[in-house]
Amino acid sequence: MMFRFHSVFFLSLVVLAWWPASAHAQIVNVQDLFISQTEEGLNLGAVGKTELKSGNTDFQYYNLALVGRYLSGRHTLLGTGNLEYAEKSQDKFTNRHFEHLRYRFEALPPAGVEAFVQHEFNEFRRMNLRLLLGVGPTWKALSTRRFHLFVGSVYMFEYDELGTGEYDDSGALWKTHRWNNYLTFQWNVREGVKILTTVYYQPAFTDFSNYNLLLSANLSVVVNDWLSVVITYNYSRQSVPPQGVNPYDSVLVAGLAIKAGPFLR
């Protein structure tokens, strides 16, 4: 079995939104990890970020992300997780973590089937527990040197347990059967320049006005073998959020990615 390890250090150059406080998408976008081509076997990666300030400003921010992928022929197993915590003047304003595991099998290329499970906790979206389970078909609609297009339309069960507090829906349990649809398009503009866009739309089968939406757009420009400029924009909307929670979140970030190893090439 082939084993690879890489570490990635992300240095922010320009932050165009208040990034620690920006609420995060309710859908984890992992599609780029299926498009990225690497040798078969196991690939592991880690990203760590922290910011500590004291004196006139008392601020702490921690973020740790892990990812692993095993590729063998038509089988792909992907796992990823993220932990984020931040506080200012000893007041928390970010406290969240999620774990995502997905298996994809190209049964009759370009058609395939996938199954996934996801666990999420987000204190400031009043999400004490979110559990997602999904299964269904996927289709590699287009795959050339310059263009990749993936389409998925799968069944998803969503279980939400809201946190306690001074709200009428405190401690509520929500169970929703959703239709999880996504489209991923990657355009290799030229050597070293890549645009990746993914759209998720997840309506409830019983009420299409109850939906989750995510738009994720990423521009990556390779400077050399180890350095890239990355600009990312994420927009998410939950049409029926918990009480006191904004229905939409957005974040725009520009920075440098310093990388090593084959997994991110």
C-alpha atoms as a PDB file:
ATOM      1  CA  MET A   1       0.000   0.000   0.000  1.00  0.00           C
ATOM      2  CA  MET A   2       1.327   3.434  -0.920  1.00  0.00           C
ATOM      3  CA  PHE A   3       1.419   5.977   1.915  1.00  0.00           C
ATOM      4  CA  ARG A   4       1.926   9.724   1.496  1.00  0.00           C
ATOM      5  CA  PHE A   5       1.928  12.572   3.998  1.00  0.00           C
ATOM      6  CA  HIS A   6       1.930  16.296   3.469  1.00  0.00           C
ATOM      7  CA  SER A   7       1.486  19.399   5.586  1.00  0.00           C
ATOM      8  CA  VAL A   8       0.005  22.692   4.438  1.00  0.00           C
ATOM      9  CA  PHE A   9       0.616  26.089   6.050  1.00  0.00           C
ATOM     10  CA  PHE A  10      -1.848  28.790   5.010  1.00  0.00           C
ATOM     11  CA  LEU A  11      -0.651  32.394   5.446  1.00  0.00           C
ATOM     12  CA  SER A  12      -3.407  34.993   5.113  1.00  0.00           C
ATOM     13  CA  LEU A  13      -2.468  38.024   3.006  1.00  0.00           C
ATOM     14  CA  VAL A  14      -5.789  39.822   2.774  1.00  0.00           C
ATOM     15  CA  VAL A  15      -8.945  38.964   4.686  1.00  0.00           C
ATOM     16  CA  LEU A  16     -11.973  40.559   3.084  1.00  0.00           C
ATOM     17  CA  ALA A  17     -14.405  39.388   5.751  1.00  0.00           C
ATOM     18  CA  TRP A  18     -14.153  39.075   9.548  1.00  0.00           C
ATOM     19  CA  TRP A  19     -13.004  35.501   9.104  1.00  0.00           C
ATOM     20  CA  PRO A  20     -13.062  34.042  12.645  1.00  0.00           C
ATOM     21  CA  ALA A  21     -16.582  35.351  13.268  1.00  0.00           C
ATOM     22  CA  SER A  22     -17.997  34.572   9.866  1.00  0.00           C
ATOM     23  CA  ALA A  23     -20.522  31.770  10.196  1.00  0.00           C
ATOM     24  CA  HIS A  24     -19.791  28.699   8.155  1.00  0.00           C
ATOM     25  CA  ALA A  25     -21.600  26.745   5.512  1.00  0.00           C
ATOM     26  CA  GLN A  26     -23.861  23.959   6.669  1.00  0.00           C
ATOM     27  CA  ILE A  27     -22.647  21.791   3.804  1.00  0.00           C
ATOM     28  CA  VAL A  28     -19.092  20.471   3.640  1.00  0.00           C
ATOM     29  CA  ASN A  29     -17.684  20.761   0.134  1.00  0.00           C
ATOM     30  CA  VAL A  30     -15.272  17.862  -0.557  1.00  0.00           C
ATOM     31  CA  GLN A  31     -15.655  17.629  -4.326  1.00  0.00           C
ATOM     32  CA  ASP A  32     -12.203  19.036  -5.130  1.00  0.00           C
ATOM     33  CA  LEU A  33     -10.641  16.060  -3.371  1.00  0.00           C
ATOM     34  CA  PHE A  34     -12.340  13.704  -5.829  1.00  0.00           C
ATOM     35  CA  ILE A  35     -11.170  15.682  -8.860  1.00  0.00           C
ATOM     36  CA  SER A  36      -7.533  16.005  -7.733  1.00  0.00           C
ATOM     37  CA  GLN A  37      -5.497  13.270  -9.368  1.00  0.00           C
ATOM     38  CA  THR A  38      -2.851  11.465  -7.304  1.00  0.00           C
ATOM     39  CA  GLU A  39      -1.263   8.072  -7.220  1.00  0.00           C
ATOM     40  CA  GLU A  40      -3.290   5.242  -5.731  1.00  0.00           C
ATOM     41  CA  GLY A  41      -2.963   4.485  -2.057  1.00  0.00           C
ATOM     42  CA  LEU A  42      -3.359   6.494   1.117  1.00  0.00           C
ATOM     43  CA  ASN A  43      -2.805  10.267   1.235  1.00  0.00           C
ATOM     44  CA  LEU A  44      -2.972  12.258   4.471  1.00  0.00           C
ATOM     45  CA  GLY A  45      -2.917  15.991   5.084  1.00  0.00           C
ATOM     46  CA  ALA A  46      -3.172  18.531   7.896  1.00  0.00           C
ATOM     47  CA  VAL A  47      -3.701  22.289   8.178  1.00  0.00           C
ATOM     48  CA  GLY A  48      -3.164  24.226  11.401  1.00  0.00           C
ATOM     49  CA  LYS A  49      -3.818  27.937  12.040  1.00  0.00           C
ATOM     50  CA  THR A  50      -3.605  30.026  15.186  1.00  0.00           C
ATOM     51  CA  GLU A  51      -3.601  33.710  16.175  1.00  0.00           C
ATOM     52  CA  LEU A  52      -2.807  34.918  19.708  1.00  0.00           C
ATOM     53  CA  LYS A  53      -2.883  38.549  20.875  1.00  0.00           C
ATOM     54  CA  SER A  54      -2.505  40.091  24.325  1.00  0.00           C
ATOM     55  CA  GLY A  55      -2.183  43.589  25.745  1.00  0.00           C
ATOM     56  CA  ASN A  56      -4.537  46.154  24.233  1.00  0.00           C
ATOM     57  CA  THR A  57      -6.301  43.308  22.426  1.00  0.00           C
ATOM     58  CA  ASP A  58      -6.967  39.963  24.089  1.00  0.00           C
ATOM     59  CA  PHE A  59      -7.652  37.524  21.272  1.00  0.00           C
ATOM     60  CA  GLN A  60      -7.242  33.782  20.653  1.00  0.00           C
ATOM     61  CA  TYR A  61      -7.988  31.792  17.518  1.00  0.00           C
ATOM     62  CA  TYR A  62      -7.308  28.091  16.831  1.00  0.00           C
ATOM     63  CA  ASN A  63      -8.105  25.972  13.787  1.00  0.00           C
ATOM     64  CA  LEU A  64      -7.087  22.423  12.950  1.00  0.00           C
ATOM     65  CA  ALA A  65      -8.143  20.516   9.821  1.00  0.00           C
ATOM     66  CA  LEU A  66      -7.308  16.931   8.875  1.00  0.00           C
ATOM     67  CA  VAL A  67      -7.979  15.071   5.644  1.00  0.00           C
ATOM     68  CA  GLY A  68      -7.297  11.570   4.399  1.00  0.00           C
ATOM     69  CA  ARG A  69      -8.076   9.830   1.134  1.00  0.00           C
ATOM     70  CA  TYR A  70      -7.626   6.239   0.025  1.00  0.00           C
ATOM     71  CA  LEU A  71      -7.804   5.590  -3.711  1.00  0.00           C
ATOM     72  CA  SER A  72      -7.846   2.117  -5.228  1.00  0.00           C
ATOM     73  CA  GLY A  73      -9.106   1.647  -8.782  1.00  0.00           C
ATOM     74  CA  ARG A  74     -12.766   2.620  -8.869  1.00  0.00           C
ATOM     75  CA  HIS A  75     -12.984   2.945  -5.072  1.00  0.00           C
ATOM     76  CA  THR A  76     -12.422   6.211  -3.180  1.00  0.00           C
ATOM     77  CA  LEU A  77     -12.703   6.640   0.578  1.00  0.00           C
ATOM     78  CA  LEU A  78     -12.433  10.171   1.954  1.00  0.00           C
ATOM     79  CA  GLY A  79     -12.420  11.447   5.520  1.00  0.00           C
ATOM     80  CA  THR A  80     -12.062  15.032   6.737  1.00  0.00           C
ATOM     81  CA  GLY A  81     -12.536  16.930   9.970  1.00  0.00           C
ATOM     82  CA  ASN A  82     -12.198  20.484  11.272  1.00  0.00           C
ATOM     83  CA  LEU A  83     -12.007  22.019  14.744  1.00  0.00           C
ATOM     84  CA  GLU A  84     -12.302  25.798  15.247  1.00  0.00           C
ATOM     85  CA  TYR A  85     -12.357  27.856  18.432  1.00  0.00           C
ATOM     86  CA  ALA A  86     -11.946  31.606  19.070  1.00  0.00           C
ATOM     87  CA  GLU A  87     -12.506  34.099  21.835  1.00  0.00           C
ATOM     88  CA  LYS A  88     -11.978  37.827  22.369  1.00  0.00           C
ATOM     89  CA  SER A  89     -11.588  39.323  25.842  1.00  0.00           C
ATOM     90  CA  GLN A  90     -12.434  35.868  27.230  1.00  0.00           C
ATOM     91  CA  ASP A  91     -15.768  35.815  25.370  1.00  0.00           C
ATOM     92  CA  LYS A  92     -16.209  32.956  22.916  1.00  0.00           C
ATOM     93  CA  PHE A  93     -17.465  33.841  19.460  1.00  0.00           C
ATOM     94  CA  THR A  94     -16.535  30.708  17.492  1.00  0.00           C
ATOM     95  CA  ASN A  95     -16.843  27.146  18.710  1.00  0.00           C
ATOM     96  CA  ARG A  96     -17.465  24.443  16.133  1.00  0.00           C
ATOM     97  CA  HIS A  97     -16.258  21.148  14.750  1.00  0.00           C
ATOM     98  CA  PHE A  98     -17.332  18.653  12.108  1.00  0.00           C
ATOM     99  CA  GLU A  99     -16.319  15.244  10.769  1.00  0.00           C
ATOM    100  CA  HIS A 100     -17.176  13.921   7.307  1.00  0.00           C
ATOM    101  CA  LEU A 101     -16.690  10.441   5.820  1.00  0.00           C
ATOM    102  CA  ARG A 102     -17.577   9.616   2.199  1.00  0.00           C
ATOM    103  CA  TYR A 103     -17.214   6.550  -0.029  1.00  0.00           C
ATOM    104  CA  ARG A 104     -17.564   6.658  -3.815  1.00  0.00           C
ATOM    105  CA  PHE A 105     -17.586   3.718  -6.225  1.00  0.00           C
ATOM    106  CA  GLU A 106     -17.478   4.173 -10.009  1.00  0.00           C
ATOM    107  CA  ALA A 107     -19.812   1.283 -10.748  1.00  0.00           C
ATOM    108  CA  LEU A 108     -20.285   1.908 -14.463  1.00  0.00           C
ATOM    109  CA  PRO A 109     -17.950   4.774 -15.406  1.00  0.00           C
ATOM    110  CA  PRO A 110     -18.741   7.599 -15.763  1.00  0.00           C
ATOM    111  CA  ALA A 111     -21.681   6.757 -13.446  1.00  0.00           C
ATOM    112  CA  GLY A 112     -21.113   5.827  -9.838  1.00  0.00           C
ATOM    113  CA  VAL A 113     -22.669   5.654  -6.391  1.00  0.00           C
ATOM    114  CA  GLU A 114     -21.646   7.304  -3.122  1.00  0.00           C
ATOM    115  CA  ALA A 115     -22.544   7.163   0.563  1.00  0.00           C
ATOM    116  CA  PHE A 116     -21.585   9.619   3.302  1.00  0.00           C
ATOM    117  CA  VAL A 117     -22.014  10.423   6.985  1.00  0.00           C
ATOM    118  CA  GLN A 118     -21.332  13.752   8.688  1.00  0.00           C
ATOM    119  CA  HIS A 119     -21.377  14.960  12.292  1.00  0.00           C
ATOM    120  CA  GLU A 120     -21.385  18.648  13.207  1.00  0.00           C
ATOM    121  CA  PHE A 121     -21.448  20.866  16.300  1.00  0.00           C
ATOM    122  CA  ASN A 122     -21.743  24.671  16.039  1.00  0.00           C
ATOM    123  CA  GLU A 123     -22.448  26.575  19.240  1.00  0.00           C
ATOM    124  CA  PHE A 124     -23.118  29.919  17.584  1.00  0.00           C
ATOM    125  CA  ARG A 125     -25.619  28.510  15.121  1.00  0.00           C
ATOM    126  CA  ARG A 126     -27.324  26.836  18.103  1.00  0.00           C
ATOM    127  CA  MET A 127     -26.524  23.441  16.568  1.00  0.00           C
ATOM    128  CA  ASN A 128     -25.843  21.046  19.440  1.00  0.00           C
ATOM    129  CA  LEU A 129     -25.831  18.083  17.069  1.00  0.00           C
ATOM    130  CA  ARG A 130     -26.281  17.695  13.333  1.00  0.00           C
ATOM    131  CA  LEU A 131     -26.063  14.250  11.784  1.00  0.00           C
ATOM    132  CA  LEU A 132     -26.268  13.694   8.018  1.00  0.00           C
ATOM    133  CA  LEU A 133     -26.582  10.344   6.229  1.00  0.00           C
ATOM    134  CA  GLY A 134     -26.764  10.100   2.450  1.00  0.00           C
ATOM    135  CA  VAL A 135     -26.607   7.642  -0.436  1.00  0.00           C
ATOM    136  CA  GLY A 136     -27.262   7.845  -4.166  1.00  0.00           C
ATOM    137  CA  PRO A 137     -25.877   8.104  -7.703  1.00  0.00           C
ATOM    138  CA  THR A 138     -23.187  10.397  -9.076  1.00  0.00           C
ATOM    139  CA  TRP A 139     -22.157  11.107 -12.645  1.00  0.00           C
ATOM    140  CA  LYS A 140     -18.895  12.336 -14.120  1.00  0.00           C
ATOM    141  CA  ALA A 141     -20.554  14.298 -16.908  1.00  0.00           C
ATOM    142  CA  LEU A 142     -17.330  15.702 -18.340  1.00  0.00           C
ATOM    143  CA  SER A 143     -13.657  15.013 -17.715  1.00  0.00           C
ATOM    144  CA  THR A 144     -11.008  16.475 -20.031  1.00  0.00           C
ATOM    145  CA  ARG A 145      -7.620  18.086 -19.563  1.00  0.00           C
ATOM    146  CA  ARG A 146      -9.234  21.525 -19.121  1.00  0.00           C
ATOM    147  CA  PHE A 147     -12.761  20.815 -17.871  1.00  0.00           C
ATOM    148  CA  HIS A 148     -14.356  18.608 -15.212  1.00  0.00           C
ATOM    149  CA  LEU A 149     -18.077  18.442 -14.478  1.00  0.00           C
ATOM    150  CA  PHE A 150     -19.571  16.262 -11.732  1.00  0.00           C
ATOM    151  CA  VAL A 151     -23.270  15.913 -10.911  1.00  0.00           C
ATOM    152  CA  GLY A 152     -24.821  14.211  -7.897  1.00  0.00           C
ATOM    153  CA  SER A 153     -28.430  13.669  -6.858  1.00  0.00           C
ATOM    154  CA  VAL A 154     -28.758  11.605  -3.691  1.00  0.00           C
ATOM    155  CA  TYR A 155     -31.075  10.978  -0.755  1.00  0.00           C
ATOM    156  CA  MET A 156     -30.037  12.536   2.551  1.00  0.00           C
ATOM    157  CA  PHE A 157     -31.401  12.215   6.083  1.00  0.00           C
ATOM    158  CA  GLU A 158     -30.759  15.185   8.378  1.00  0.00           C
ATOM    159  CA  TYR A 159     -31.057  14.995  12.175  1.00  0.00           C
ATOM    160  CA  ASP A 160     -30.712  18.268  14.104  1.00  0.00           C
ATOM    161  CA  GLU A 161     -30.671  18.777  17.860  1.00  0.00           C
ATOM    162  CA  LEU A 162     -30.819  22.453  18.875  1.00  0.00           C
ATOM    163  CA  GLY A 163     -29.017  23.818  21.898  1.00  0.00           C
ATOM    164  CA  THR A 164     -30.790  25.189  24.939  1.00  0.00           C
ATOM    165  CA  GLY A 165     -31.372  28.878  25.574  1.00  0.00           C
ATOM    166  CA  GLU A 166     -34.037  31.572  25.712  1.00  0.00           C
ATOM    167  CA  TYR A 167     -35.792  30.530  22.517  1.00  0.00           C
ATOM    168  CA  ASP A 168     -39.122  28.839  21.842  1.00  0.00           C
ATOM    169  CA  ASP A 169     -37.365  26.098  19.846  1.00  0.00           C
ATOM    170  CA  SER A 170     -34.647  25.421  22.454  1.00  0.00           C
ATOM    171  CA  GLY A 171     -33.821  21.718  22.678  1.00  0.00           C
ATOM    172  CA  ALA A 172     -35.947  20.917  19.621  1.00  0.00           C
ATOM    173  CA  LEU A 173     -35.251  17.853  17.471  1.00  0.00           C
ATOM    174  CA  TRP A 174     -35.627  18.195  13.689  1.00  0.00           C
ATOM    175  CA  LYS A 175     -35.684  15.178  11.389  1.00  0.00           C
ATOM    176  CA  THR A 176     -35.736  15.990   7.678  1.00  0.00           C
ATOM    177  CA  HIS A 177     -35.554  13.851   4.547  1.00  0.00           C
ATOM    178  CA  ARG A 178     -33.768  15.890   1.883  1.00  0.00           C
ATOM    179  CA  TRP A 179     -32.932  15.677  -1.813  1.00  0.00           C
ATOM    180  CA  ASN A 180     -29.215  16.469  -1.965  1.00  0.00           C
ATOM    181  CA  ASN A 181     -28.223  17.829  -5.391  1.00  0.00           C
ATOM    182  CA  TYR A 182     -24.811  19.179  -6.309  1.00  0.00           C
ATOM    183  CA  LEU A 183     -22.875  20.303  -9.358  1.00  0.00           C
ATOM    184  CA  THR A 184     -19.093  20.738  -9.421  1.00  0.00           C
ATOM    185  CA  PHE A 185     -17.319  22.449 -12.308  1.00  0.00           C
ATOM    186  CA  GLN A 186     -13.560  22.826 -12.606  1.00  0.00           C
ATOM    187  CA  TRP A 187     -11.908  24.883 -15.329  1.00  0.00           C
ATOM    188  CA  ASN A 188      -8.153  24.635 -15.783  1.00  0.00           C
ATOM    189  CA  VAL A 189      -7.833  28.039 -17.416  1.00  0.00           C
ATOM    190  CA  ARG A 190      -4.190  27.491 -18.275  1.00  0.00           C
ATOM    191  CA  GLU A 191      -1.174  25.869 -16.691  1.00  0.00           C
ATOM    192  CA  GLY A 192      -1.213  26.755 -12.991  1.00  0.00           C
ATOM    193  CA  VAL A 193      -4.548  28.614 -13.005  1.00  0.00           C
ATOM    194  CA  LYS A 194      -7.667  26.759 -11.828  1.00  0.00           C
ATOM    195  CA  ILE A 195     -11.257  27.814 -11.086  1.00  0.00           C
ATOM    196  CA  LEU A 196     -13.439  25.423  -9.091  1.00  0.00           C
ATOM    197  CA  THR A 197     -17.140  26.073  -8.418  1.00  0.00           C
ATOM    198  CA  THR A 198     -19.582  23.868  -6.521  1.00  0.00           C
ATOM    199  CA  VAL A 199     -23.305  24.442  -5.888  1.00  0.00           C
ATOM    200  CA  TYR A 200     -25.305  22.355  -3.396  1.00  0.00           C
ATOM    201  CA  TYR A 201     -29.116  22.522  -3.219  1.00  0.00           C
ATOM    202  CA  GLN A 202     -30.884  20.424  -0.576  1.00  0.00           C
ATOM    203  CA  PRO A 203     -34.667  20.841  -0.416  1.00  0.00           C
ATOM    204  CA  ALA A 204     -36.849  18.827   1.932  1.00  0.00           C
ATOM    205  CA  PHE A 205     -38.889  16.245   0.042  1.00  0.00           C
ATOM    206  CA  THR A 206     -42.087  17.355   1.799  1.00  0.00           C
ATOM    207  CA  ASP A 207     -41.519  21.119   1.474  1.00  0.00           C
ATOM    208  CA  PHE A 208     -39.248  22.610  -1.186  1.00  0.00           C
ATOM    209  CA  SER A 209     -39.320  25.994   0.589  1.00  0.00           C
ATOM    210  CA  ASN A 210     -37.277  24.307   3.342  1.00  0.00           C
ATOM    211  CA  TYR A 211     -33.805  24.046   1.811  1.00  0.00           C
ATOM    212  CA  ASN A 212     -30.068  24.371   2.407  1.00  0.00           C
ATOM    213  CA  LEU A 213     -27.913  26.063  -0.232  1.00  0.00           C
ATOM    214  CA  LEU A 214     -24.165  26.422  -0.688  1.00  0.00           C
ATOM    215  CA  LEU A 215     -22.149  28.207  -3.358  1.00  0.00           C
ATOM    216  CA  SER A 216     -18.391  27.697  -3.183  1.00  0.00           C
ATOM    217  CA  ALA A 217     -16.002  29.356  -5.661  1.00  0.00           C
ATOM    218  CA  ASN A 218     -12.229  29.006  -5.607  1.00  0.00           C
ATOM    219  CA  LEU A 219      -9.502  30.582  -7.741  1.00  0.00           C
ATOM    220  CA  SER A 220      -6.008  29.114  -7.449  1.00  0.00           C
ATOM    221  CA  VAL A 221      -2.939  30.532  -9.180  1.00  0.00           C
ATOM    222  CA  VAL A 222       0.301  28.567  -8.906  1.00  0.00           C
ATOM    223  CA  VAL A 223       3.381  30.735  -8.457  1.00  0.00           C
ATOM    224  CA  ASN A 224       5.874  27.860  -8.248  1.00  0.00           C
ATOM    225  CA  ASP A 225       6.035  24.227  -7.090  1.00  0.00           C
ATOM    226  CA  TRP A 226       5.375  25.118  -3.451  1.00  0.00           C
ATOM    227  CA  LEU A 227       3.530  28.453  -3.514  1.00  0.00           C
ATOM    228  CA  SER A 228       0.033  29.374  -4.743  1.00  0.00           C
ATOM    229  CA  VAL A 229      -2.271  32.383  -4.465  1.00  0.00           C
ATOM    230  CA  VAL A 230      -5.775  31.316  -3.425  1.00  0.00           C
ATOM    231  CA  ILE A 231      -9.029  33.305  -3.392  1.00  0.00           C
ATOM    232  CA  THR A 232     -12.121  31.600  -1.964  1.00  0.00           C
ATOM    233  CA  TYR A 233     -15.729  32.731  -1.637  1.00  0.00           C
ATOM    234  CA  ASN A 234     -18.418  30.748   0.197  1.00  0.00           C
ATOM    235  CA  TYR A 235     -22.102  31.611   0.494  1.00  0.00           C
ATOM    236  CA  SER A 236     -24.591  29.441   2.359  1.00  0.00           C
ATOM    237  CA  ARG A 237     -28.268  29.794   3.203  1.00  0.00           C
ATOM    238  CA  GLN A 238     -30.524  27.804   5.509  1.00  0.00           C
ATOM    239  CA  SER A 239     -34.088  28.801   4.651  1.00  0.00           C
ATOM    240  CA  VAL A 240     -35.466  27.608   8.021  1.00  0.00           C
ATOM    241  CA  PRO A 241     -32.755  28.438  10.588  1.00  0.00           C
ATOM    242  CA  PRO A 242     -33.118  28.155  14.365  1.00  0.00           C
ATOM    243  CA  GLN A 243     -34.557  31.201  16.108  1.00  0.00           C
ATOM    244  CA  GLY A 244     -32.024  34.004  16.514  1.00  0.00           C
ATOM    245  CA  VAL A 245     -29.739  32.655  13.754  1.00  0.00           C
ATOM    246  CA  ASN A 246     -29.141  34.548  10.507  1.00  0.00           C
ATOM    247  CA  PRO A 247     -30.326  32.458   7.526  1.00  0.00           C
ATOM    248  CA  TYR A 248     -27.233  33.184   5.424  1.00  0.00           C
ATOM    249  CA  ASP A 249     -23.454  33.259   5.861  1.00  0.00           C
ATOM    250  CA  SER A 250     -20.720  34.468   3.513  1.00  0.00           C
ATOM    251  CA  VAL A 251     -16.948  34.658   3.648  1.00  0.00           C
ATOM    252  CA  LEU A 252     -14.353  35.906   1.174  1.00  0.00           C
ATOM    253  CA  VAL A 253     -10.685  35.144   1.850  1.00  0.00           C
ATOM    254  CA  ALA A 254      -7.478  35.699  -0.107  1.00  0.00           C
ATOM    255  CA  GLY A 255      -4.153  34.235   0.886  1.00  0.00           C
ATOM    256  CA  LEU A 256      -1.062  32.206   0.136  1.00  0.00           C
ATOM    257  CA  ALA A 257      -0.886  28.425   0.211  1.00  0.00           C
ATOM    258  CA  ILE A 258       2.497  26.863   0.872  1.00  0.00           C
ATOM    259  CA  LYS A 259       2.352  23.163   0.149  1.00  0.00           C
ATOM    260  CA  ALA A 260       4.360  19.999  -0.227  1.00  0.00           C
ATOM    261  CA  GLY A 261       3.558  16.496  -1.335  1.00  0.00           C
ATOM    262  CA  PRO A 262       1.484  15.046  -4.172  1.00  0.00           C
ATOM    263  CA  PHE A 263      -1.962  15.280  -2.567  1.00  0.00           C
ATOM    264  CA  LEU A 264      -2.608  18.929  -3.450  1.00  0.00           C
ATOM    265  CA  ARG A 265      -0.965  19.000  -6.844  1.00  0.00           C
END
